[in-house]
Amino acid sequence: MEAAAAASSPMLLLVAMSAALLVFHIGLQGMLATRELGSAWNAGPRDDAREPAGKLAGRAARASGNYRETYPAFVALALALAVSGDASGWGLIGAWLWFIARLVYLPLYLAGIPYIRSLVWLVALLGLAVMAGALVV
């Protein structure tokens, strides 16, 4: 595949947007922890291993960790689809499915909404499966 064609791939836009979502997760987690534990904790070495005790800060941390569990698979699949020249069709549908589900997942997790949150997580996983399927077909 030519470099210009790969650079114009819609998958690369999704990779960039997913990186922005990763930064948002990390920033939200840090902001909520700092609000609870203070700026001295944030700026310090955190040797005392204190963790935020509040629900919202804990949920943000767990949601961020959950995002980072599937994020490497998404990036690998998206880049493989972009390089293979199949950055449209089912691969692109799967990528958008994963990304939109991950966007929806965060507020559901922060709000503590069960079942629907798990269903949305499964939709994101389905998106990864669709992307993988597009690579092997």
C-alpha atoms as a PDB file:
ATOM      1  CA  MET A   1       0.000   0.000   0.000  1.00  0.00           C
ATOM      2  CA  GLU A   2       1.256   3.452  -0.824  1.00  0.00           C
ATOM      3  CA  ALA A   3       2.120   5.759   2.049  1.00  0.00           C
ATOM      4  CA  ALA A   4      -0.307   8.429   0.811  1.00  0.00           C
ATOM      5  CA  ALA A   5      -3.177   5.953   0.741  1.00  0.00           C
ATOM      6  CA  ALA A   6      -2.377   4.718   4.239  1.00  0.00           C
ATOM      7  CA  ALA A   7      -2.147   8.299   5.525  1.00  0.00           C
ATOM      8  CA  SER A   8      -5.622   9.073   4.239  1.00  0.00           C
ATOM      9  CA  SER A   9      -7.141   5.972   5.819  1.00  0.00           C
ATOM     10  CA  PRO A  10     -10.211   6.572   7.995  1.00  0.00           C
ATOM     11  CA  MET A  11      -8.659   4.076  10.413  1.00  0.00           C
ATOM     12  CA  LEU A  12      -5.918   6.558  11.217  1.00  0.00           C
ATOM     13  CA  LEU A  13      -8.532   9.142  12.152  1.00  0.00           C
ATOM     14  CA  LEU A  14     -10.106   6.594  14.492  1.00  0.00           C
ATOM     15  CA  VAL A  15      -6.722   5.770  16.005  1.00  0.00           C
ATOM     16  CA  ALA A  16      -6.153   9.483  16.649  1.00  0.00           C
ATOM     17  CA  MET A  17      -9.631   9.886  18.160  1.00  0.00           C
ATOM     18  CA  SER A  18      -9.114   6.795  20.312  1.00  0.00           C
ATOM     19  CA  ALA A  19      -5.826   8.269  21.569  1.00  0.00           C
ATOM     20  CA  ALA A  20      -7.706  11.455  22.495  1.00  0.00           C
ATOM     21  CA  LEU A  21     -10.228   9.316  24.386  1.00  0.00           C
ATOM     22  CA  LEU A  22      -7.333   7.605  26.193  1.00  0.00           C
ATOM     23  CA  VAL A  23      -5.962  10.997  27.253  1.00  0.00           C
ATOM     24  CA  PHE A  24      -9.453  11.995  28.405  1.00  0.00           C
ATOM     25  CA  HIS A  25      -9.695   8.825  30.527  1.00  0.00           C
ATOM     26  CA  ILE A  26      -6.319   9.492  32.120  1.00  0.00           C
ATOM     27  CA  GLY A  27      -7.110  13.162  32.697  1.00  0.00           C
ATOM     28  CA  LEU A  28     -10.509  12.440  34.235  1.00  0.00           C
ATOM     29  CA  GLN A  29      -9.060   9.787  36.495  1.00  0.00           C
ATOM     30  CA  GLY A  30      -6.281  12.126  37.614  1.00  0.00           C
ATOM     31  CA  MET A  31      -8.579  15.096  38.103  1.00  0.00           C
ATOM     32  CA  LEU A  32     -11.027  13.132  40.271  1.00  0.00           C
ATOM     33  CA  ALA A  33      -8.218  11.581  42.327  1.00  0.00           C
ATOM     34  CA  THR A  34      -6.584  14.986  42.812  1.00  0.00           C
ATOM     35  CA  ARG A  35      -9.889  16.551  43.817  1.00  0.00           C
ATOM     36  CA  GLU A  36     -10.204  13.917  46.528  1.00  0.00           C
ATOM     37  CA  LEU A  37      -6.579  13.534  47.681  1.00  0.00           C
ATOM     38  CA  GLY A  38      -5.239  17.017  46.952  1.00  0.00           C
ATOM     39  CA  SER A  39      -2.650  18.568  44.698  1.00  0.00           C
ATOM     40  CA  ALA A  40       0.207  17.687  47.077  1.00  0.00           C
ATOM     41  CA  TRP A  41      -0.628  14.014  46.560  1.00  0.00           C
ATOM     42  CA  ASN A  42      -0.738  14.503  42.806  1.00  0.00           C
ATOM     43  CA  ALA A  43       2.574  16.357  42.679  1.00  0.00           C
ATOM     44  CA  GLY A  44       4.289  14.058  45.158  1.00  0.00           C
ATOM     45  CA  PRO A  45       5.923  10.658  44.713  1.00  0.00           C
ATOM     46  CA  ARG A  46       2.829   8.804  46.045  1.00  0.00           C
ATOM     47  CA  ASP A  47       4.985   6.608  48.268  1.00  0.00           C
ATOM     48  CA  ASP A  48       2.161   6.031  50.741  1.00  0.00           C
ATOM     49  CA  ALA A  49       0.102   4.172  48.094  1.00  0.00           C
ATOM     50  CA  ARG A  50      -3.075   6.051  49.017  1.00  0.00           C
ATOM     51  CA  GLU A  51      -5.967   5.478  46.651  1.00  0.00           C
ATOM     52  CA  PRO A  52      -9.081   7.628  46.291  1.00  0.00           C
ATOM     53  CA  ALA A  53     -11.912   6.262  48.414  1.00  0.00           C
ATOM     54  CA  GLY A  54     -14.735   8.065  46.605  1.00  0.00           C
ATOM     55  CA  LYS A  55     -17.029   6.210  44.233  1.00  0.00           C
ATOM     56  CA  LEU A  56     -16.583   8.527  41.274  1.00  0.00           C
ATOM     57  CA  ALA A  57     -12.770   8.554  41.403  1.00  0.00           C
ATOM     58  CA  GLY A  58     -12.741   4.778  41.774  1.00  0.00           C
ATOM     59  CA  ARG A  59     -15.126   4.311  38.874  1.00  0.00           C
ATOM     60  CA  ALA A  60     -13.039   6.615  36.687  1.00  0.00           C
ATOM     61  CA  ALA A  61      -9.917   4.598  37.530  1.00  0.00           C
ATOM     62  CA  ARG A  62     -11.629   1.290  36.778  1.00  0.00           C
ATOM     63  CA  ALA A  63     -13.148   2.603  33.545  1.00  0.00           C
ATOM     64  CA  SER A  64      -9.724   3.848  32.463  1.00  0.00           C
ATOM     65  CA  GLY A  65      -8.171   0.479  33.235  1.00  0.00           C
ATOM     66  CA  ASN A  66     -10.943  -1.255  31.324  1.00  0.00           C
ATOM     67  CA  TYR A  67     -10.348   0.979  28.304  1.00  0.00           C
ATOM     68  CA  ARG A  68      -6.631   0.234  28.375  1.00  0.00           C
ATOM     69  CA  GLU A  69      -7.340  -3.525  28.375  1.00  0.00           C
ATOM     70  CA  THR A  70      -8.827  -3.500  24.869  1.00  0.00           C
ATOM     71  CA  TYR A  71      -7.058  -0.445  23.494  1.00  0.00           C
ATOM     72  CA  PRO A  72      -3.912  -2.252  22.258  1.00  0.00           C
ATOM     73  CA  ALA A  73      -6.057  -4.730  20.313  1.00  0.00           C
ATOM     74  CA  PHE A  74      -7.986  -1.877  18.725  1.00  0.00           C
ATOM     75  CA  VAL A  75      -4.841  -0.023  17.675  1.00  0.00           C
ATOM     76  CA  ALA A  76      -3.240  -3.189  16.286  1.00  0.00           C
ATOM     77  CA  LEU A  77      -6.351  -4.138  14.304  1.00  0.00           C
ATOM     78  CA  ALA A  78      -6.945  -0.601  13.037  1.00  0.00           C
ATOM     79  CA  LEU A  79      -3.361  -0.208  11.869  1.00  0.00           C
ATOM     80  CA  ALA A  80      -3.372  -3.672  10.279  1.00  0.00           C
ATOM     81  CA  LEU A  81      -6.533  -2.751   8.384  1.00  0.00           C
ATOM     82  CA  ALA A  82      -5.037   0.560   7.297  1.00  0.00           C
ATOM     83  CA  VAL A  83      -1.814  -1.058   6.090  1.00  0.00           C
ATOM     84  CA  SER A  84      -3.592  -3.941   4.362  1.00  0.00           C
ATOM     85  CA  GLY A  85      -5.621  -1.469   2.342  1.00  0.00           C
ATOM     86  CA  ASP A  86      -8.930  -2.721   3.773  1.00  0.00           C
ATOM     87  CA  ALA A  87      -9.813   0.338   5.824  1.00  0.00           C
ATOM     88  CA  SER A  88     -13.420   0.409   4.705  1.00  0.00           C
ATOM     89  CA  GLY A  89     -16.308  -2.001   4.776  1.00  0.00           C
ATOM     90  CA  TRP A  90     -16.650  -4.343   7.726  1.00  0.00           C
ATOM     91  CA  GLY A  91     -13.322  -3.358   9.260  1.00  0.00           C
ATOM     92  CA  LEU A  92     -14.359   0.283   9.420  1.00  0.00           C
ATOM     93  CA  ILE A  93     -17.801  -0.641  10.759  1.00  0.00           C
ATOM     94  CA  GLY A  94     -16.141  -2.687  13.512  1.00  0.00           C
ATOM     95  CA  ALA A  95     -13.780   0.158  14.367  1.00  0.00           C
ATOM     96  CA  TRP A  96     -16.616   2.676  14.657  1.00  0.00           C
ATOM     97  CA  LEU A  97     -18.614   0.161  16.696  1.00  0.00           C
ATOM     98  CA  TRP A  98     -15.722  -0.217  19.135  1.00  0.00           C
ATOM     99  CA  PHE A  99     -15.104   3.526  19.367  1.00  0.00           C
ATOM    100  CA  ILE A 100     -18.737   4.555  19.857  1.00  0.00           C
ATOM    101  CA  ALA A 101     -19.286   1.795  22.420  1.00  0.00           C
ATOM    102  CA  ARG A 102     -16.203   2.981  24.324  1.00  0.00           C
ATOM    103  CA  LEU A 103     -17.548   6.548  24.280  1.00  0.00           C
ATOM    104  CA  VAL A 104     -20.899   5.368  25.665  1.00  0.00           C
ATOM    105  CA  TYR A 105     -19.267   3.049  28.214  1.00  0.00           C
ATOM    106  CA  LEU A 106     -17.526   5.782  30.206  1.00  0.00           C
ATOM    107  CA  PRO A 107     -20.593   7.761  31.352  1.00  0.00           C
ATOM    108  CA  LEU A 108     -22.455   4.509  32.033  1.00  0.00           C
ATOM    109  CA  TYR A 109     -19.616   3.345  34.273  1.00  0.00           C
ATOM    110  CA  LEU A 110     -19.328   6.699  36.033  1.00  0.00           C
ATOM    111  CA  ALA A 111     -23.084   6.670  36.685  1.00  0.00           C
ATOM    112  CA  GLY A 112     -22.876   3.122  38.082  1.00  0.00           C
ATOM    113  CA  ILE A 113     -25.406   1.715  35.620  1.00  0.00           C
ATOM    114  CA  PRO A 114     -25.168  -2.092  35.587  1.00  0.00           C
ATOM    115  CA  TYR A 115     -26.162  -4.512  32.803  1.00  0.00           C
ATOM    116  CA  ILE A 116     -26.470  -1.832  30.109  1.00  0.00           C
ATOM    117  CA  ARG A 117     -22.816  -0.983  30.744  1.00  0.00           C
ATOM    118  CA  SER A 118     -21.909  -4.656  30.342  1.00  0.00           C
ATOM    119  CA  LEU A 119     -23.932  -4.856  27.146  1.00  0.00           C
ATOM    120  CA  VAL A 120     -22.107  -1.815  25.765  1.00  0.00           C
ATOM    121  CA  TRP A 121     -18.792  -3.473  26.654  1.00  0.00           C
ATOM    122  CA  LEU A 122     -19.880  -6.536  24.667  1.00  0.00           C
ATOM    123  CA  VAL A 123     -20.726  -4.292  21.704  1.00  0.00           C
ATOM    124  CA  ALA A 124     -17.176  -2.904  21.841  1.00  0.00           C
ATOM    125  CA  LEU A 125     -15.816  -6.444  21.939  1.00  0.00           C
ATOM    126  CA  LEU A 126     -18.000  -7.313  18.949  1.00  0.00           C
ATOM    127  CA  GLY A 127     -16.448  -4.349  17.137  1.00  0.00           C
ATOM    128  CA  LEU A 128     -12.993  -5.837  17.690  1.00  0.00           C
ATOM    129  CA  ALA A 129     -14.215  -9.220  16.432  1.00  0.00           C
ATOM    130  CA  VAL A 130     -15.639  -7.611  13.295  1.00  0.00           C
ATOM    131  CA  MET A 131     -12.318  -5.845  12.700  1.00  0.00           C
ATOM    132  CA  ALA A 132     -10.416  -9.115  13.118  1.00  0.00           C
ATOM    133  CA  GLY A 133     -12.850 -10.865  10.815  1.00  0.00           C
ATOM    134  CA  ALA A 134     -12.294  -8.242   8.139  1.00  0.00           C
ATOM    135  CA  LEU A 135      -8.571  -8.973   8.283  1.00  0.00           C
ATOM    136  CA  VAL A 136      -8.886 -12.695   7.734  1.00  0.00           C
ATOM    137  CA  VAL A 137     -11.585 -12.680   5.071  1.00  0.00           C
END
